[in-house]
């Protein structure tokens, strides 16, 4: 009797297993979700009845997928968004570009302290207690590097003392040159080698700038750190105040052809000196430009 019951139980259990397997296989083929198989007599409660079968679908066979590329690079990590530098090129705050001329003071006083404790040179190095001429040269190089072939420029310096014959001003090229890479490189080398000399013959330099260059410029940038010295060209000019009066009197006639074509004069004053703001402020203000002061 016992042996008969055991055989019956084994047979019943085998039948149950076969039925559960068929149901589980059918469900797995219809979907990818695990299927919970219960006996028909179950009331649906999640109780350990010994009659439950959880069938999990096999993982998808990826043997037919495209092979991985050898030496593939990992995806790039997101970086900072690129920001275009739309800020205009400026010379001590004065916007530059187009066709323009620098007229720069390289007198002996430019070899004195610049009135600022530090200044960043053209390569990003901080200069401690820099000289005025060092600051000017650094700013020039920064500006020249930012110019494009659409810009054209030249550089005039005025180092000669009034006692020297002719009170000459020095011009780098005597004409405006397009700011091509080669021209920019040559201009930077010229600026690096600038030195200082005696005197501040502003009258001669401004006259030279107006008469030497064609009236097709957008701007003249005039930088100085001291009162004009008596230039020796007009005998009655014997003091700096007289020299200033002479410039303000004569400049409008020199500049008239340029002004008629829309050119302006902007002035940058270095340091503090008697009647500097009045002189350079008037020179800029009367000729359509801006006056700016650098240093204390």
C-alpha atoms as a PDB file:
ATOM      1  CA  UNK A   1       0.000   0.000   0.000  1.00  0.00           C
ATOM      2  CA  UNK A   2       2.708   2.455   0.989  1.00  0.00           C
ATOM      3  CA  UNK A   3       4.678   1.600  -2.119  1.00  0.00           C
ATOM      4  CA  UNK A   4       1.605   2.265  -4.270  1.00  0.00           C
ATOM      5  CA  UNK A   5       1.056   5.679  -2.629  1.00  0.00           C
ATOM      6  CA  UNK A   6       4.680   6.641  -3.188  1.00  0.00           C
ATOM      7  CA  UNK A   7       4.478   5.730  -6.889  1.00  0.00           C
ATOM      8  CA  UNK A   8       1.256   7.749  -7.221  1.00  0.00           C
ATOM      9  CA  UNK A   9       2.810  10.792  -5.564  1.00  0.00           C
ATOM     10  CA  UNK A  10       5.854  10.656  -7.818  1.00  0.00           C
ATOM     11  CA  UNK A  11       3.678  10.382 -10.907  1.00  0.00           C
ATOM     12  CA  UNK A  12       1.505  13.325  -9.793  1.00  0.00           C
ATOM     13  CA  UNK A  13       4.590  15.452  -9.098  1.00  0.00           C
ATOM     14  CA  UNK A  14       6.046  14.673 -12.554  1.00  0.00           C
ATOM     15  CA  UNK A  15       2.795  15.647 -14.246  1.00  0.00           C
ATOM     16  CA  UNK A  16       2.743  18.913 -12.307  1.00  0.00           C
ATOM     17  CA  UNK A  17       6.309  19.708 -13.287  1.00  0.00           C
ATOM     18  CA  UNK A  18       5.604  19.090 -16.976  1.00  0.00           C
ATOM     19  CA  UNK A  19       2.502  21.282 -16.925  1.00  0.00           C
ATOM     20  CA  UNK A  20       4.356  24.102 -15.176  1.00  0.00           C
ATOM     21  CA  UNK A  21       7.236  23.901 -17.638  1.00  0.00           C
ATOM     22  CA  UNK A  22       4.904  24.199 -20.639  1.00  0.00           C
ATOM     23  CA  UNK A  23       3.148  27.230 -19.193  1.00  0.00           C
ATOM     24  CA  UNK A  24       6.430  28.933 -18.241  1.00  0.00           C
ATOM     25  CA  UNK A  25       7.970  28.380 -21.678  1.00  0.00           C
ATOM     26  CA  UNK A  26       4.969  29.868 -23.459  1.00  0.00           C
ATOM     27  CA  UNK A  27       4.993  32.951 -21.268  1.00  0.00           C
ATOM     28  CA  UNK A  28       8.733  33.468 -21.738  1.00  0.00           C
ATOM     29  CA  UNK A  29       8.294  33.395 -25.518  1.00  0.00           C
ATOM     30  CA  UNK A  30       5.564  36.023 -25.366  1.00  0.00           C
ATOM     31  CA  UNK A  31       7.490  38.593 -23.323  1.00  0.00           C
ATOM     32  CA  UNK A  32      10.707  39.425 -21.605  1.00  0.00           C
ATOM     33  CA  UNK A  33       9.348  39.789 -18.074  1.00  0.00           C
ATOM     34  CA  UNK A  34       9.749  37.064 -15.417  1.00  0.00           C
ATOM     35  CA  UNK A  35       6.571  34.928 -15.077  1.00  0.00           C
ATOM     36  CA  UNK A  36       5.158  33.618 -11.846  1.00  0.00           C
ATOM     37  CA  UNK A  37       3.471  30.243 -12.311  1.00  0.00           C
ATOM     38  CA  UNK A  38       0.871  29.074  -9.778  1.00  0.00           C
ATOM     39  CA  UNK A  39      -1.205  25.939  -9.539  1.00  0.00           C
ATOM     40  CA  UNK A  40      -4.863  26.255 -10.419  1.00  0.00           C
ATOM     41  CA  UNK A  41      -5.797  25.654  -6.859  1.00  0.00           C
ATOM     42  CA  UNK A  42      -3.847  28.602  -5.520  1.00  0.00           C
ATOM     43  CA  UNK A  43      -5.790  31.493  -4.045  1.00  0.00           C
ATOM     44  CA  UNK A  44      -3.207  34.038  -5.338  1.00  0.00           C
ATOM     45  CA  UNK A  45      -1.684  34.755  -1.934  1.00  0.00           C
ATOM     46  CA  UNK A  46       2.090  34.955  -1.819  1.00  0.00           C
ATOM     47  CA  UNK A  47       2.462  32.109   0.627  1.00  0.00           C
ATOM     48  CA  UNK A  48       5.140  29.457   0.477  1.00  0.00           C
ATOM     49  CA  UNK A  49       3.005  26.638  -0.980  1.00  0.00           C
ATOM     50  CA  UNK A  50       5.706  24.664  -2.731  1.00  0.00           C
ATOM     51  CA  UNK A  51       3.664  25.047  -5.953  1.00  0.00           C
ATOM     52  CA  UNK A  52       5.272  28.184  -7.352  1.00  0.00           C
ATOM     53  CA  UNK A  53       7.747  28.420 -10.241  1.00  0.00           C
ATOM     54  CA  UNK A  54       9.543  31.639 -11.233  1.00  0.00           C
ATOM     55  CA  UNK A  55      10.835  31.438 -14.787  1.00  0.00           C
ATOM     56  CA  UNK A  56      13.300  34.206 -15.883  1.00  0.00           C
ATOM     57  CA  UNK A  57      13.838  34.789 -19.634  1.00  0.00           C
ATOM     58  CA  UNK A  58      17.320  34.026 -20.903  1.00  0.00           C
ATOM     59  CA  UNK A  59      19.566  36.991 -21.738  1.00  0.00           C
ATOM     60  CA  UNK A  60      19.458  38.122 -25.363  1.00  0.00           C
ATOM     61  CA  UNK A  61      22.101  36.495 -27.528  1.00  0.00           C
ATOM     62  CA  UNK A  62      24.382  39.249 -28.756  1.00  0.00           C
ATOM     63  CA  UNK A  63      26.621  37.022 -30.831  1.00  0.00           C
ATOM     64  CA  UNK A  64      25.176  38.514 -34.054  1.00  0.00           C
ATOM     65  CA  UNK A  65      25.787  42.137 -33.015  1.00  0.00           C
ATOM     66  CA  UNK A  66      28.578  44.155 -34.655  1.00  0.00           C
ATOM     67  CA  UNK A  67      31.946  43.453 -33.058  1.00  0.00           C
ATOM     68  CA  UNK A  68      33.457  46.120 -30.820  1.00  0.00           C
ATOM     69  CA  UNK A  69      35.929  48.448 -32.507  1.00  0.00           C
ATOM     70  CA  UNK A  70      39.479  47.867 -31.376  1.00  0.00           C
ATOM     71  CA  UNK A  71      41.242  50.751 -29.625  1.00  0.00           C
ATOM     72  CA  UNK A  72      37.964  52.617 -29.372  1.00  0.00           C
ATOM     73  CA  UNK A  73      38.298  55.850 -27.421  1.00  0.00           C
ATOM     74  CA  UNK A  74      36.019  56.469 -24.455  1.00  0.00           C
ATOM     75  CA  UNK A  75      33.438  59.201 -24.942  1.00  0.00           C
ATOM     76  CA  UNK A  76      34.828  62.642 -24.277  1.00  0.00           C
ATOM     77  CA  UNK A  77      33.897  64.204 -20.982  1.00  0.00           C
ATOM     78  CA  UNK A  78      31.858  67.399 -21.251  1.00  0.00           C
ATOM     79  CA  UNK A  79      34.052  70.461 -20.889  1.00  0.00           C
ATOM     80  CA  UNK A  80      33.539  74.163 -20.487  1.00  0.00           C
ATOM     81  CA  UNK A  81      31.604  75.714 -23.369  1.00  0.00           C
ATOM     82  CA  UNK A  82      33.753  77.729 -25.738  1.00  0.00           C
ATOM     83  CA  UNK A  83      33.224  81.464 -25.387  1.00  0.00           C
ATOM     84  CA  UNK A  84      34.201  83.702 -28.238  1.00  0.00           C
ATOM     85  CA  UNK A  85      36.160  86.782 -27.213  1.00  0.00           C
ATOM     86  CA  UNK A  86      34.089  89.595 -28.684  1.00  0.00           C
ATOM     87  CA  UNK A  87      35.663  92.281 -26.506  1.00  0.00           C
ATOM     88  CA  UNK A  88      37.335  95.034 -28.555  1.00  0.00           C
ATOM     89  CA  UNK A  89      41.096  95.444 -28.484  1.00  0.00           C
ATOM     90  CA  UNK A  90      41.957  98.362 -26.237  1.00  0.00           C
ATOM     91  CA  UNK A  91      45.063 100.433 -25.500  1.00  0.00           C
ATOM     92  CA  UNK A  92      44.826 101.430 -21.828  1.00  0.00           C
ATOM     93  CA  UNK A  93      41.058 101.269 -22.180  1.00  0.00           C
ATOM     94  CA  UNK A  94      40.888 103.072 -25.532  1.00  0.00           C
ATOM     95  CA  UNK A  95      39.373 100.886 -28.293  1.00  0.00           C
ATOM     96  CA  UNK A  96      41.625 100.465 -31.324  1.00  0.00           C
ATOM     97  CA  UNK A  97      41.227  98.905 -34.736  1.00  0.00           C
ATOM     98  CA  UNK A  98      40.780  99.898 -38.342  1.00  0.00           C
ATOM     99  CA  UNK A  99      43.381 102.386 -39.587  1.00  0.00           C
ATOM    100  CA  UNK A 100      45.214 104.127 -36.783  1.00  0.00           C
ATOM    101  CA  UNK A 101      48.510 105.656 -35.690  1.00  0.00           C
ATOM    102  CA  UNK A 102      50.299 105.467 -32.343  1.00  0.00           C
ATOM    103  CA  UNK A 103      52.202 108.638 -31.357  1.00  0.00           C
ATOM    104  CA  UNK A 104      54.228 107.684 -28.287  1.00  0.00           C
ATOM    105  CA  UNK A 105      56.359 109.541 -25.780  1.00  0.00           C
ATOM    106  CA  UNK A 106      59.657 107.778 -25.069  1.00  0.00           C
ATOM    107  CA  UNK A 107      61.265 110.644 -23.171  1.00  0.00           C
ATOM    108  CA  UNK A 108      63.558 110.172 -20.172  1.00  0.00           C
ATOM    109  CA  UNK A 109      60.678 110.455 -17.707  1.00  0.00           C
ATOM    110  CA  UNK A 110      59.192 107.285 -19.218  1.00  0.00           C
ATOM    111  CA  UNK A 111      62.071 105.452 -17.534  1.00  0.00           C
ATOM    112  CA  UNK A 112      60.654 106.290 -14.106  1.00  0.00           C
ATOM    113  CA  UNK A 113      58.232 104.313 -11.939  1.00  0.00           C
ATOM    114  CA  UNK A 114      54.895 103.809 -13.654  1.00  0.00           C
ATOM    115  CA  UNK A 115      52.804 104.785 -10.590  1.00  0.00           C
ATOM    116  CA  UNK A 116      51.416 101.228 -10.330  1.00  0.00           C
ATOM    117  CA  UNK A 117      52.730  98.484  -8.058  1.00  0.00           C
ATOM    118  CA  UNK A 118      52.496  95.749 -10.674  1.00  0.00           C
ATOM    119  CA  UNK A 119      51.504  95.139 -14.284  1.00  0.00           C
ATOM    120  CA  UNK A 120      51.109  92.001 -16.370  1.00  0.00           C
ATOM    121  CA  UNK A 121      53.460  91.800 -19.335  1.00  0.00           C
ATOM    122  CA  UNK A 122      52.534  90.475 -22.776  1.00  0.00           C
ATOM    123  CA  UNK A 123      53.308  86.877 -21.740  1.00  0.00           C
ATOM    124  CA  UNK A 124      51.265  86.927 -18.553  1.00  0.00           C
ATOM    125  CA  UNK A 125      54.170  87.513 -16.157  1.00  0.00           C
ATOM    126  CA  UNK A 126      53.651  90.040 -13.384  1.00  0.00           C
ATOM    127  CA  UNK A 127      56.153  92.905 -13.348  1.00  0.00           C
ATOM    128  CA  UNK A 128      56.711  94.431  -9.918  1.00  0.00           C
ATOM    129  CA  UNK A 129      57.243  98.198  -9.761  1.00  0.00           C
ATOM    130  CA  UNK A 130      57.527  98.468 -13.559  1.00  0.00           C
ATOM    131  CA  UNK A 131      58.837 101.527 -15.369  1.00  0.00           C
ATOM    132  CA  UNK A 132      56.427 103.547 -17.458  1.00  0.00           C
ATOM    133  CA  UNK A 133      58.123 102.537 -20.687  1.00  0.00           C
ATOM    134  CA  UNK A 134      57.908  98.861 -19.660  1.00  0.00           C
ATOM    135  CA  UNK A 135      54.166  99.172 -19.084  1.00  0.00           C
ATOM    136  CA  UNK A 136      53.678 100.955 -22.397  1.00  0.00           C
ATOM    137  CA  UNK A 137      55.669  98.339 -24.310  1.00  0.00           C
ATOM    138  CA  UNK A 138      53.743  95.479 -22.668  1.00  0.00           C
ATOM    139  CA  UNK A 139      50.403  97.070 -23.563  1.00  0.00           C
ATOM    140  CA  UNK A 140      51.549  97.714 -27.130  1.00  0.00           C
ATOM    141  CA  UNK A 141      52.577  94.097 -27.660  1.00  0.00           C
ATOM    142  CA  UNK A 142      49.265  92.827 -26.262  1.00  0.00           C
ATOM    143  CA  UNK A 143      47.387  95.077 -28.667  1.00  0.00           C
ATOM    144  CA  UNK A 144      49.507  94.215 -31.708  1.00  0.00           C
ATOM    145  CA  UNK A 145      48.990  90.494 -31.133  1.00  0.00           C
ATOM    146  CA  UNK A 146      45.213  90.966 -31.234  1.00  0.00           C
ATOM    147  CA  UNK A 147      45.112  92.909 -34.489  1.00  0.00           C
ATOM    148  CA  UNK A 148      43.926  91.270 -37.710  1.00  0.00           C
ATOM    149  CA  UNK A 149      44.776  91.708 -41.360  1.00  0.00           C
ATOM    150  CA  UNK A 150      41.794  94.052 -41.634  1.00  0.00           C
ATOM    151  CA  UNK A 151      43.612  96.554 -39.393  1.00  0.00           C
ATOM    152  CA  UNK A 152      46.444  98.872 -40.467  1.00  0.00           C
ATOM    153  CA  UNK A 153      48.790 100.858 -38.211  1.00  0.00           C
ATOM    154  CA  UNK A 154      52.137 102.550 -37.707  1.00  0.00           C
ATOM    155  CA  UNK A 155      54.131 103.799 -34.710  1.00  0.00           C
ATOM    156  CA  UNK A 156      55.647 107.258 -34.255  1.00  0.00           C
ATOM    157  CA  UNK A 157      57.892 108.024 -31.276  1.00  0.00           C
ATOM    158  CA  UNK A 158      59.166 111.371 -30.122  1.00  0.00           C
ATOM    159  CA  UNK A 159      62.381 111.095 -28.120  1.00  0.00           C
ATOM    160  CA  UNK A 160      64.472 114.011 -29.400  1.00  0.00           C
ATOM    161  CA  UNK A 161      65.417 116.901 -27.116  1.00  0.00           C
ATOM    162  CA  UNK A 162      64.508 120.404 -28.212  1.00  0.00           C
ATOM    163  CA  UNK A 163      68.215 121.224 -28.539  1.00  0.00           C
ATOM    164  CA  UNK A 164      68.775 118.516 -31.124  1.00  0.00           C
ATOM    165  CA  UNK A 165      68.598 119.668 -34.774  1.00  0.00           C
ATOM    166  CA  UNK A 166      65.122 119.407 -36.211  1.00  0.00           C
ATOM    167  CA  UNK A 167      63.569 117.920 -33.024  1.00  0.00           C
ATOM    168  CA  UNK A 168      62.897 114.842 -35.102  1.00  0.00           C
ATOM    169  CA  UNK A 169      60.269 112.222 -34.498  1.00  0.00           C
ATOM    170  CA  UNK A 170      60.891 108.624 -35.434  1.00  0.00           C
ATOM    171  CA  UNK A 171      58.453 106.609 -37.492  1.00  0.00           C
ATOM    172  CA  UNK A 172      58.575 102.839 -37.731  1.00  0.00           C
ATOM    173  CA  UNK A 173      57.398 102.601 -41.365  1.00  0.00           C
ATOM    174  CA  UNK A 174      56.252 106.091 -42.441  1.00  0.00           C
ATOM    175  CA  UNK A 175      52.974 104.595 -43.641  1.00  0.00           C
ATOM    176  CA  UNK A 176      50.188 102.434 -42.286  1.00  0.00           C
ATOM    177  CA  UNK A 177      50.754  98.724 -42.804  1.00  0.00           C
ATOM    178  CA  UNK A 178      48.136  95.972 -42.812  1.00  0.00           C
ATOM    179  CA  UNK A 179      48.481  93.935 -39.635  1.00  0.00           C
ATOM    180  CA  UNK A 180      49.462  90.639 -41.284  1.00  0.00           C
ATOM    181  CA  UNK A 181      51.254  88.044 -39.129  1.00  0.00           C
ATOM    182  CA  UNK A 182      54.668  89.109 -40.493  1.00  0.00           C
ATOM    183  CA  UNK A 183      53.961  92.787 -39.877  1.00  0.00           C
ATOM    184  CA  UNK A 184      52.754  92.079 -36.348  1.00  0.00           C
ATOM    185  CA  UNK A 185      55.895  90.078 -35.589  1.00  0.00           C
ATOM    186  CA  UNK A 186      58.135  92.850 -36.945  1.00  0.00           C
ATOM    187  CA  UNK A 187      56.233  95.497 -34.985  1.00  0.00           C
ATOM    188  CA  UNK A 188      56.588  93.520 -31.771  1.00  0.00           C
ATOM    189  CA  UNK A 189      60.356  93.285 -32.262  1.00  0.00           C
ATOM    190  CA  UNK A 190      60.475  97.034 -32.885  1.00  0.00           C
ATOM    191  CA  UNK A 191      58.528  97.724 -29.688  1.00  0.00           C
ATOM    192  CA  UNK A 192      60.734  95.431 -27.617  1.00  0.00           C
ATOM    193  CA  UNK A 193      63.789  97.458 -28.686  1.00  0.00           C
ATOM    194  CA  UNK A 194      62.323 100.900 -27.955  1.00  0.00           C
ATOM    195  CA  UNK A 195      64.511 102.993 -25.677  1.00  0.00           C
ATOM    196  CA  UNK A 196      64.100 106.346 -23.981  1.00  0.00           C
ATOM    197  CA  UNK A 197      65.800 109.649 -24.820  1.00  0.00           C
ATOM    198  CA  UNK A 198      65.771 113.251 -23.662  1.00  0.00           C
ATOM    199  CA  UNK A 199      62.995 115.715 -24.273  1.00  0.00           C
ATOM    200  CA  UNK A 200      59.253 115.649 -24.965  1.00  0.00           C
ATOM    201  CA  UNK A 201      58.798 117.399 -28.336  1.00  0.00           C
ATOM    202  CA  UNK A 202      55.054 116.836 -28.588  1.00  0.00           C
ATOM    203  CA  UNK A 203      54.584 119.782 -30.964  1.00  0.00           C
ATOM    204  CA  UNK A 204      56.964 118.238 -33.508  1.00  0.00           C
ATOM    205  CA  UNK A 205      55.527 114.719 -33.130  1.00  0.00           C
ATOM    206  CA  UNK A 206      51.909 115.777 -33.635  1.00  0.00           C
ATOM    207  CA  UNK A 207      52.803 117.962 -36.604  1.00  0.00           C
ATOM    208  CA  UNK A 208      54.749 115.079 -38.140  1.00  0.00           C
ATOM    209  CA  UNK A 209      51.836 112.667 -37.605  1.00  0.00           C
ATOM    210  CA  UNK A 210      49.365 114.969 -39.344  1.00  0.00           C
ATOM    211  CA  UNK A 211      51.584 115.956 -42.250  1.00  0.00           C
ATOM    212  CA  UNK A 212      53.345 112.664 -42.941  1.00  0.00           C
ATOM    213  CA  UNK A 213      50.269 110.403 -43.133  1.00  0.00           C
ATOM    214  CA  UNK A 214      47.426 110.509 -45.625  1.00  0.00           C
ATOM    215  CA  UNK A 215      44.008 111.636 -44.353  1.00  0.00           C
ATOM    216  CA  UNK A 216      42.552 108.134 -44.376  1.00  0.00           C
ATOM    217  CA  UNK A 217      43.052 107.225 -40.714  1.00  0.00           C
ATOM    218  CA  UNK A 218      40.343 106.473 -38.180  1.00  0.00           C
ATOM    219  CA  UNK A 219      42.277 107.475 -35.092  1.00  0.00           C
ATOM    220  CA  UNK A 220      45.508 108.959 -33.734  1.00  0.00           C
ATOM    221  CA  UNK A 221      46.496 107.641 -30.297  1.00  0.00           C
ATOM    222  CA  UNK A 222      48.714 110.121 -28.453  1.00  0.00           C
ATOM    223  CA  UNK A 223      50.469 108.994 -25.247  1.00  0.00           C
ATOM    224  CA  UNK A 224      52.669 111.164 -23.046  1.00  0.00           C
ATOM    225  CA  UNK A 225      53.765 111.361 -19.425  1.00  0.00           C
ATOM    226  CA  UNK A 226      54.917 114.967 -19.227  1.00  0.00           C
ATOM    227  CA  UNK A 227      54.486 118.519 -20.348  1.00  0.00           C
ATOM    228  CA  UNK A 228      55.844 119.320 -23.800  1.00  0.00           C
ATOM    229  CA  UNK A 229      59.351 120.727 -23.787  1.00  0.00           C
ATOM    230  CA  UNK A 230      60.155 123.926 -25.670  1.00  0.00           C
ATOM    231  CA  UNK A 231      60.686 122.540 -29.136  1.00  0.00           C
ATOM    232  CA  UNK A 232      62.985 125.174 -30.594  1.00  0.00           C
ATOM    233  CA  UNK A 233      60.966 125.538 -33.785  1.00  0.00           C
ATOM    234  CA  UNK A 234      58.983 128.596 -32.714  1.00  0.00           C
ATOM    235  CA  UNK A 235      61.495 130.989 -31.053  1.00  0.00           C
ATOM    236  CA  UNK A 236      58.978 132.610 -28.734  1.00  0.00           C
ATOM    237  CA  UNK A 237      58.136 129.262 -27.117  1.00  0.00           C
ATOM    238  CA  UNK A 238      60.277 129.219 -23.973  1.00  0.00           C
ATOM    239  CA  UNK A 239      58.177 127.360 -21.364  1.00  0.00           C
ATOM    240  CA  UNK A 240      56.080 124.202 -21.244  1.00  0.00           C
ATOM    241  CA  UNK A 241      52.893 126.195 -20.828  1.00  0.00           C
ATOM    242  CA  UNK A 242      53.769 128.132 -23.927  1.00  0.00           C
ATOM    243  CA  UNK A 243      54.465 124.861 -25.732  1.00  0.00           C
ATOM    244  CA  UNK A 244      51.004 123.607 -24.774  1.00  0.00           C
ATOM    245  CA  UNK A 245      49.402 126.811 -26.010  1.00  0.00           C
ATOM    246  CA  UNK A 246      51.353 126.466 -29.246  1.00  0.00           C
ATOM    247  CA  UNK A 247      50.100 122.914 -29.806  1.00  0.00           C
ATOM    248  CA  UNK A 248      46.490 123.782 -29.067  1.00  0.00           C
ATOM    249  CA  UNK A 249      46.773 126.767 -31.396  1.00  0.00           C
ATOM    250  CA  UNK A 250      48.480 124.987 -34.314  1.00  0.00           C
ATOM    251  CA  UNK A 251      47.080 121.479 -34.155  1.00  0.00           C
ATOM    252  CA  UNK A 252      43.618 122.227 -35.614  1.00  0.00           C
ATOM    253  CA  UNK A 253      45.178 123.395 -38.891  1.00  0.00           C
ATOM    254  CA  UNK A 254      47.448 120.330 -39.146  1.00  0.00           C
ATOM    255  CA  UNK A 255      44.632 117.970 -38.307  1.00  0.00           C
ATOM    256  CA  UNK A 256      41.881 119.556 -40.436  1.00  0.00           C
ATOM    257  CA  UNK A 257      42.246 117.217 -43.485  1.00  0.00           C
ATOM    258  CA  UNK A 258      42.081 114.159 -41.212  1.00  0.00           C
ATOM    259  CA  UNK A 259      39.175 115.485 -39.159  1.00  0.00           C
ATOM    260  CA  UNK A 260      37.230 116.157 -42.359  1.00  0.00           C
ATOM    261  CA  UNK A 261      37.487 112.412 -43.139  1.00  0.00           C
ATOM    262  CA  UNK A 262      36.261 111.357 -39.684  1.00  0.00           C
ATOM    263  CA  UNK A 263      39.581 110.801 -37.891  1.00  0.00           C
ATOM    264  CA  UNK A 264      39.690 111.457 -34.124  1.00  0.00           C
ATOM    265  CA  UNK A 265      42.471 112.020 -31.569  1.00  0.00           C
ATOM    266  CA  UNK A 266      42.481 110.106 -28.283  1.00  0.00           C
ATOM    267  CA  UNK A 267      44.994 110.851 -25.525  1.00  0.00           C
ATOM    268  CA  UNK A 268      46.484 108.701 -22.751  1.00  0.00           C
ATOM    269  CA  UNK A 269      48.219 110.503 -19.908  1.00  0.00           C
ATOM    270  CA  UNK A 270      50.766 108.631 -17.805  1.00  0.00           C
ATOM    271  CA  UNK A 271      51.240 109.750 -14.226  1.00  0.00           C
ATOM    272  CA  UNK A 272      50.522 113.133 -12.727  1.00  0.00           C
ATOM    273  CA  UNK A 273      51.997 116.358 -14.070  1.00  0.00           C
ATOM    274  CA  UNK A 274      51.115 120.021 -14.125  1.00  0.00           C
ATOM    275  CA  UNK A 275      48.245 120.947 -16.475  1.00  0.00           C
ATOM    276  CA  UNK A 276      48.503 117.481 -18.106  1.00  0.00           C
ATOM    277  CA  UNK A 277      44.797 116.745 -17.805  1.00  0.00           C
ATOM    278  CA  UNK A 278      43.895 120.168 -19.153  1.00  0.00           C
ATOM    279  CA  UNK A 279      46.254 119.886 -22.131  1.00  0.00           C
ATOM    280  CA  UNK A 280      45.493 116.300 -23.145  1.00  0.00           C
ATOM    281  CA  UNK A 281      41.832 116.531 -22.219  1.00  0.00           C
ATOM    282  CA  UNK A 282      41.397 119.543 -24.475  1.00  0.00           C
ATOM    283  CA  UNK A 283      43.406 117.998 -27.309  1.00  0.00           C
ATOM    284  CA  UNK A 284      41.146 114.928 -27.299  1.00  0.00           C
ATOM    285  CA  UNK A 285      37.909 116.745 -26.571  1.00  0.00           C
ATOM    286  CA  UNK A 286      38.365 119.287 -29.366  1.00  0.00           C
ATOM    287  CA  UNK A 287      39.143 116.564 -31.890  1.00  0.00           C
ATOM    288  CA  UNK A 288      36.418 114.007 -31.336  1.00  0.00           C
ATOM    289  CA  UNK A 289      38.378 111.577 -29.144  1.00  0.00           C
ATOM    290  CA  UNK A 290      38.670 110.436 -25.526  1.00  0.00           C
ATOM    291  CA  UNK A 291      41.062 111.376 -22.730  1.00  0.00           C
ATOM    292  CA  UNK A 292      42.286 108.682 -20.362  1.00  0.00           C
ATOM    293  CA  UNK A 293      44.722 108.666 -17.460  1.00  0.00           C
ATOM    294  CA  UNK A 294      46.881 105.715 -16.419  1.00  0.00           C
ATOM    295  CA  UNK A 295      48.413 105.418 -12.948  1.00  0.00           C
ATOM    296  CA  UNK A 296      47.913 107.474  -9.850  1.00  0.00           C
END
